[in-house]
Amino acid sequence: MEGSMVIIMEITGSINEVRKQVKEWRRQGFTVGLVPTMGYLHEGHKSLIDRAVAENDRVVVSDFVNPIQFGVNEDLATYPRDIEKDKRLCEQAGAALVFHPEAEEMYAPDFSTYVEMKKVSEGLCGRTRPGHFRGVCTVVCKLFHIVMPDRAYFGQKDAQQLAVIRRMVRDLNLDIQIVGCPIIREEDGLAKSSRNTYLNEEERKAARVLSRAVYHGESMIKEGERDADTILSQMRRIIEAEPLARIDYVEMVDADSIEPLTKAEGRVLTAMAVYIGSTRLIDNFIVEV
């Protein structure tokens, strides 16, 4: 693979420069992978970049805190950022280009065109974060048009987002392969997330309750339990036993359509959003039954 040569990483905030570079790669016959991120990169993001580097000649990492996917009272202003640390991680992982635009580069002052989806985006996080997936679909669609990748990489931790992106690509006939990658966890089970940095020491310990509930629900299905209410009630009981935890949702849905399930049948996504103190964390598991 030609991409195995030493690659000097570049960073740009310019859409035109990204397009110019990708055009040159295409001229050379290179395949291109894209890893869309909101920055403050950790081992979870690195696993996506590693996979992309292994499967493509050149990899673009977008590092952009997308303002239009945040609600009015959400954490846009305080969302963690560290572009210097991000650049080091991307370079070490073998990315060829980091796209780090300002909001003004992505959205004109009179920007008024959005990608909006029904059904798949309406349950789970879509129910409690209205407008969130409209922002996600819009920015990801823009990134796809800017980079024109062969493949794009997303983590299963954001399982509904992954389903939404796959549906958007199908519905809009975008010629891009969407690659889902496994959840990366801390040693104690907590799913890696940029928002974990919001947790104080006590909250960090309390947050382990999410993965405990995930592991318990997954083991119930593997041991033969199929009734959704039975599985979910036991998972909720585990979470509710933690004083610092407040459940947003714990639900079982079809992993592709995000339609609620009463029985664990087919490709099953069991997902949760839980507040630990004031920090909203998500986790999930997917099983084929």
Protein backbone atom coordinates (compact mmCIF):
# COMPACT_ATOMS: atom_id res chain seq x y z
CA MET A 1 0.00 0.00 0.00
CA GLU A 2 1.49 3.33 -1.03
CA GLY A 3 0.20 4.93 2.16
CA SER A 4 2.75 2.95 4.19
CA MET A 5 5.46 5.56 3.42
CA VAL A 6 6.30 8.20 6.03
CA ILE A 7 3.60 10.86 5.91
CA ILE A 8 4.19 14.46 6.98
CA MET A 9 1.01 15.71 8.64
CA GLU A 10 -0.42 19.11 7.80
CA ILE A 11 -3.14 21.18 9.47
CA THR A 12 -5.45 23.69 7.85
CA GLY A 13 -8.63 25.59 8.60
CA SER A 14 -9.37 26.22 4.94
CA ILE A 15 -12.00 24.28 2.99
CA ASN A 16 -10.24 25.20 -0.27
CA GLU A 17 -6.91 23.85 0.99
CA VAL A 18 -8.51 20.55 2.02
CA ARG A 19 -10.09 20.20 -1.41
CA LYS A 20 -6.82 21.06 -3.15
CA GLN A 21 -4.92 18.46 -1.12
CA VAL A 22 -7.52 15.72 -1.63
CA LYS A 23 -7.61 16.47 -5.35
CA GLU A 24 -3.84 15.94 -5.47
CA TRP A 25 -4.15 12.65 -3.59
CA ARG A 26 -6.80 11.52 -6.03
CA ARG A 27 -4.53 12.41 -8.92
CA GLN A 28 -1.93 10.10 -7.39
CA GLY A 29 -4.48 7.30 -7.07
CA PHE A 30 -4.67 7.39 -3.27
CA THR A 31 -7.71 6.29 -1.26
CA VAL A 32 -8.92 8.73 1.40
CA GLY A 33 -10.41 8.07 4.83
CA LEU A 34 -12.16 10.63 7.03
CA VAL A 35 -12.46 10.63 10.83
CA PRO A 36 -14.91 13.37 11.90
CA THR A 37 -14.32 14.55 15.48
CA MET A 38 -15.08 17.47 17.77
CA GLY A 39 -11.52 17.45 19.03
CA TYR A 40 -10.14 16.89 22.53
CA LEU A 41 -9.01 13.55 21.20
CA HIS A 42 -8.50 10.44 23.34
CA GLU A 43 -7.80 6.74 22.80
CA GLY A 44 -11.29 6.23 21.41
CA HIS A 45 -10.62 8.70 18.61
CA LYS A 46 -7.16 7.22 18.09
CA SER A 47 -8.70 3.81 17.51
CA LEU A 48 -10.77 5.33 14.68
CA ILE A 49 -7.70 7.00 13.17
CA ASP A 50 -5.70 3.78 13.48
CA ARG A 51 -8.42 1.87 11.62
CA ALA A 52 -8.62 4.56 8.95
CA VAL A 53 -4.84 4.61 8.47
CA ALA A 54 -4.83 0.83 8.10
CA GLU A 55 -7.53 0.90 5.42
CA ASN A 56 -6.67 4.03 3.39
CA ASP A 57 -3.64 5.65 1.76
CA ARG A 58 -4.37 9.06 3.30
CA VAL A 59 -6.48 10.04 6.31
CA VAL A 60 -8.14 13.37 7.11
CA VAL A 61 -9.20 14.09 10.70
CA SER A 62 -11.70 16.91 11.12
CA ASP A 63 -11.32 18.70 14.48
CA PHE A 64 -14.32 20.98 14.80
CA VAL A 65 -16.67 21.74 17.69
CA ASN A 66 -19.85 22.03 15.67
CA PRO A 67 -22.02 24.80 17.16
CA ILE A 68 -25.27 23.81 15.44
CA GLN A 69 -25.53 20.45 17.20
CA PHE A 70 -25.60 22.02 20.67
CA GLY A 71 -28.84 23.06 22.33
CA VAL A 72 -29.45 26.40 24.05
CA ASN A 73 -28.49 25.21 27.53
CA GLU A 74 -25.80 22.72 26.48
CA ASP A 75 -22.03 22.89 26.87
CA LEU A 76 -20.82 24.53 23.64
CA ALA A 77 -18.86 27.26 25.45
CA THR A 78 -17.23 24.87 27.93
CA TYR A 79 -16.69 21.87 25.62
CA PRO A 80 -13.02 20.89 26.13
CA ARG A 81 -10.54 21.91 23.45
CA ASP A 82 -6.81 21.26 23.05
CA ILE A 83 -5.71 21.50 19.42
CA GLU A 84 -1.99 21.08 20.21
CA LYS A 85 -2.64 17.78 21.96
CA ASP A 86 -4.96 16.76 19.14
CA LYS A 87 -2.29 17.48 16.52
CA ARG A 88 0.24 15.31 18.36
CA LEU A 89 -2.18 12.39 18.59
CA CYS A 90 -3.13 12.67 14.91
CA GLU A 91 0.51 12.81 13.85
CA GLN A 92 1.44 9.82 16.00
CA ALA A 93 -1.48 7.84 14.58
CA GLY A 94 -0.44 8.56 11.00
CA ALA A 95 -3.09 11.04 9.84
CA ALA A 96 -2.04 13.08 6.82
CA LEU A 97 -4.23 16.16 7.33
CA VAL A 98 -6.11 17.78 10.21
CA PHE A 99 -8.98 20.04 9.18
CA HIS A 100 -9.50 22.54 12.00
CA PRO A 101 -11.84 25.27 10.74
CA GLU A 102 -13.41 28.18 12.54
CA ALA A 103 -17.20 28.21 12.66
CA GLU A 104 -17.18 31.11 10.16
CA GLU A 105 -15.42 28.88 7.61
CA MET A 106 -18.14 26.24 7.88
CA TYR A 107 -21.18 28.47 8.22
CA ALA A 108 -21.81 31.72 6.36
CA PRO A 109 -23.50 34.50 8.39
CA ASP A 110 -26.77 33.84 6.54
CA PHE A 111 -26.43 30.03 6.56
CA SER A 112 -29.90 28.51 6.22
CA THR A 113 -29.62 25.01 4.71
CA TYR A 114 -29.87 21.93 6.94
CA VAL A 115 -30.07 18.16 6.59
CA GLU A 116 -33.00 16.95 8.63
CA MET A 117 -34.00 13.34 9.28
CA LYS A 118 -37.17 11.78 10.66
CA LYS A 119 -37.69 8.59 12.68
CA VAL A 120 -34.11 7.33 13.19
CA SER A 121 -33.14 10.65 14.78
CA GLU A 122 -36.27 11.14 16.89
CA GLY A 123 -35.86 8.61 19.73
CA LEU A 124 -33.17 8.21 22.41
CA CYS A 125 -30.88 11.29 22.33
CA GLY A 126 -33.05 12.91 19.67
CA ARG A 127 -35.97 13.05 22.09
CA THR A 128 -34.07 14.86 24.82
CA ARG A 129 -31.74 16.88 22.55
CA PRO A 130 -34.06 18.43 19.95
CA GLY A 131 -32.17 19.70 16.93
CA HIS A 132 -29.02 17.76 17.82
CA PHE A 133 -29.10 15.34 14.91
CA ARG A 134 -30.08 18.04 12.45
CA GLY A 135 -26.77 19.68 13.39
CA VAL A 136 -24.89 16.38 13.20
CA CYS A 137 -26.30 15.46 9.78
CA THR A 138 -25.65 18.92 8.40
CA VAL A 139 -22.01 19.14 9.48
CA VAL A 140 -21.21 15.54 8.51
CA CYS A 141 -22.81 16.03 5.09
CA LYS A 142 -20.70 19.17 4.64
CA LEU A 143 -17.54 17.30 5.68
CA PHE A 144 -18.35 14.53 3.22
CA HIS A 145 -18.67 17.08 0.41
CA ILE A 146 -15.47 18.87 1.45
CA VAL A 147 -13.28 15.77 1.81
CA MET A 148 -15.08 13.34 -0.56
CA PRO A 149 -13.67 10.32 1.31
CA ASP A 150 -13.89 6.70 0.28
CA ARG A 151 -14.60 5.73 3.89
CA ALA A 152 -15.63 7.57 7.06
CA TYR A 153 -15.15 6.25 10.58
CA PHE A 154 -17.49 6.61 13.57
CA GLY A 155 -17.48 5.05 17.05
CA GLN A 156 -20.21 2.77 18.36
CA LYS A 157 -20.32 4.76 21.61
CA ASP A 158 -22.52 7.19 19.66
CA ALA A 159 -24.62 4.30 18.33
CA GLN A 160 -27.63 6.39 17.36
CA GLN A 161 -25.38 8.85 15.55
CA LEU A 162 -23.86 5.93 13.64
CA ALA A 163 -27.34 4.71 12.64
CA VAL A 164 -28.33 8.25 11.63
CA ILE A 165 -25.22 8.73 9.45
CA ARG A 166 -25.72 5.36 7.77
CA ARG A 167 -29.34 6.25 6.98
CA MET A 168 -28.34 9.67 5.64
CA VAL A 169 -25.73 8.12 3.35
CA ARG A 170 -28.27 5.59 2.09
CA ASP A 171 -31.09 8.07 1.63
CA LEU A 172 -28.95 10.70 -0.12
CA ASN A 173 -27.06 8.15 -2.26
CA LEU A 174 -23.67 9.30 -0.99
CA ASP A 175 -20.84 7.15 -2.35
CA ILE A 176 -19.09 6.67 0.99
CA GLN A 177 -18.53 3.55 3.09
CA ILE A 178 -19.43 4.13 6.75
CA VAL A 179 -17.26 2.13 9.12
CA GLY A 180 -18.43 1.60 12.70
CA CYS A 181 -15.72 0.97 15.30
CA PRO A 182 -15.98 -0.59 18.79
CA ILE A 183 -16.35 1.37 22.02
CA ILE A 184 -13.02 2.00 23.74
CA ARG A 185 -13.21 1.85 27.53
CA GLU A 186 -11.12 2.81 30.52
CA GLU A 187 -9.69 -0.04 32.60
CA ASP A 188 -12.68 0.17 34.96
CA GLY A 189 -15.17 -0.02 32.08
CA LEU A 190 -16.18 3.63 31.62
CA ALA A 191 -16.58 4.45 27.93
CA LYS A 192 -13.97 6.99 26.87
CA SER A 193 -15.49 10.40 26.23
CA SER A 194 -14.26 13.99 26.04
CA ARG A 195 -16.96 14.86 28.59
CA ASN A 196 -15.39 12.53 31.18
CA THR A 197 -13.08 15.47 31.97
CA TYR A 198 -16.07 17.26 33.54
CA LEU A 199 -16.29 14.64 36.31
CA ASN A 200 -14.72 15.25 39.72
CA GLU A 201 -13.17 12.32 41.59
CA GLU A 202 -16.40 11.26 43.29
CA GLU A 203 -18.39 11.54 40.07
CA ARG A 204 -15.74 9.62 38.15
CA LYS A 205 -16.18 6.67 40.50
CA ALA A 206 -19.96 6.95 40.28
CA ALA A 207 -19.81 6.92 36.47
CA ARG A 208 -18.73 3.29 36.51
CA VAL A 209 -22.38 2.45 37.10
CA LEU A 210 -23.06 2.90 33.36
CA SER A 211 -20.75 0.12 32.26
CA ARG A 212 -21.91 -2.12 35.11
CA ALA A 213 -25.46 -1.78 33.80
CA VAL A 214 -24.26 -2.40 30.23
CA TYR A 215 -22.38 -5.56 31.17
CA HIS A 216 -25.34 -6.87 33.19
CA GLY A 217 -27.86 -6.26 30.42
CA GLU A 218 -25.59 -7.85 27.83
CA SER A 219 -25.04 -10.93 30.01
CA MET A 220 -28.80 -11.31 30.54
CA ILE A 221 -29.37 -11.50 26.79
CA LYS A 222 -26.46 -13.89 26.30
CA GLU A 223 -27.93 -16.12 29.01
CA GLY A 224 -31.25 -16.26 27.17
CA GLU A 225 -33.42 -13.46 28.53
CA ARG A 226 -35.42 -11.82 25.74
CA ASP A 227 -38.03 -9.64 27.46
CA ALA A 228 -37.02 -5.98 27.09
CA ASP A 229 -38.83 -4.79 30.23
CA THR A 230 -37.10 -7.42 32.37
CA ILE A 231 -33.66 -6.52 31.04
CA LEU A 232 -34.17 -2.76 31.19
CA SER A 233 -35.67 -2.80 34.69
CA GLN A 234 -32.61 -4.61 36.06
CA MET A 235 -30.29 -2.20 34.28
CA ARG A 236 -32.21 0.79 35.67
CA ARG A 237 -32.07 -0.71 39.16
CA ILE A 238 -28.28 -0.86 38.98
CA ILE A 239 -28.08 2.79 37.88
CA GLU A 240 -30.64 4.04 40.39
CA ALA A 241 -28.62 2.50 43.23
CA GLU A 242 -25.95 5.14 42.58
CA PRO A 243 -26.94 8.39 44.38
CA LEU A 244 -25.11 10.66 41.92
CA ALA A 245 -26.80 9.10 38.88
CA ARG A 246 -29.96 10.41 37.22
CA ILE A 247 -31.38 8.51 34.25
CA ASP A 248 -32.25 10.34 31.06
CA TYR A 249 -33.18 7.12 29.28
CA VAL A 250 -32.43 3.40 29.21
CA GLU A 251 -34.03 1.78 26.17
CA MET A 252 -33.86 -1.22 23.84
CA VAL A 253 -34.27 -0.48 20.13
CA ASP A 254 -33.52 -1.91 16.72
CA ALA A 255 -29.89 -0.92 16.04
CA ASP A 256 -30.63 0.31 12.51
CA SER A 257 -34.12 1.85 12.68
CA ILE A 258 -33.97 2.93 16.38
CA GLU A 259 -37.55 1.63 16.72
CA PRO A 260 -38.38 0.46 20.29
CA LEU A 261 -38.30 -3.30 20.92
CA THR A 262 -40.36 -5.32 23.37
CA LYS A 263 -38.16 -8.38 22.83
CA ALA A 264 -34.45 -8.79 22.14
CA GLU A 265 -34.66 -9.97 18.55
CA GLY A 266 -32.50 -9.18 15.51
CA ARG A 267 -29.76 -6.56 15.77
CA VAL A 268 -30.45 -5.11 19.19
CA LEU A 269 -29.15 -1.81 20.57
CA THR A 270 -29.58 -1.24 24.29
CA ALA A 271 -28.63 2.37 24.97
CA MET A 272 -28.59 4.77 27.88
CA ALA A 273 -27.99 8.38 28.74
CA VAL A 274 -27.31 9.10 32.40
CA TYR A 275 -26.45 12.28 34.25
CA ILE A 276 -23.63 11.91 36.76
CA GLY A 277 -23.96 15.13 38.66
CA SER A 278 -24.46 17.67 35.88
CA THR A 279 -22.57 15.68 33.23
CA ARG A 280 -24.58 13.69 30.69
CA LEU A 281 -22.87 10.45 29.66
CA ILE A 282 -23.95 7.80 27.16
CA ASP A 283 -23.20 4.11 26.81
CA ASN A 284 -24.65 1.11 25.00
CA PHE A 285 -24.20 -2.40 23.73
CA ILE A 286 -25.26 -4.09 20.48
CA VAL A 287 -25.98 -7.81 20.17
CA GLU A 288 -27.20 -10.00 17.35
CA VAL A 289 -29.99 -12.28 18.58
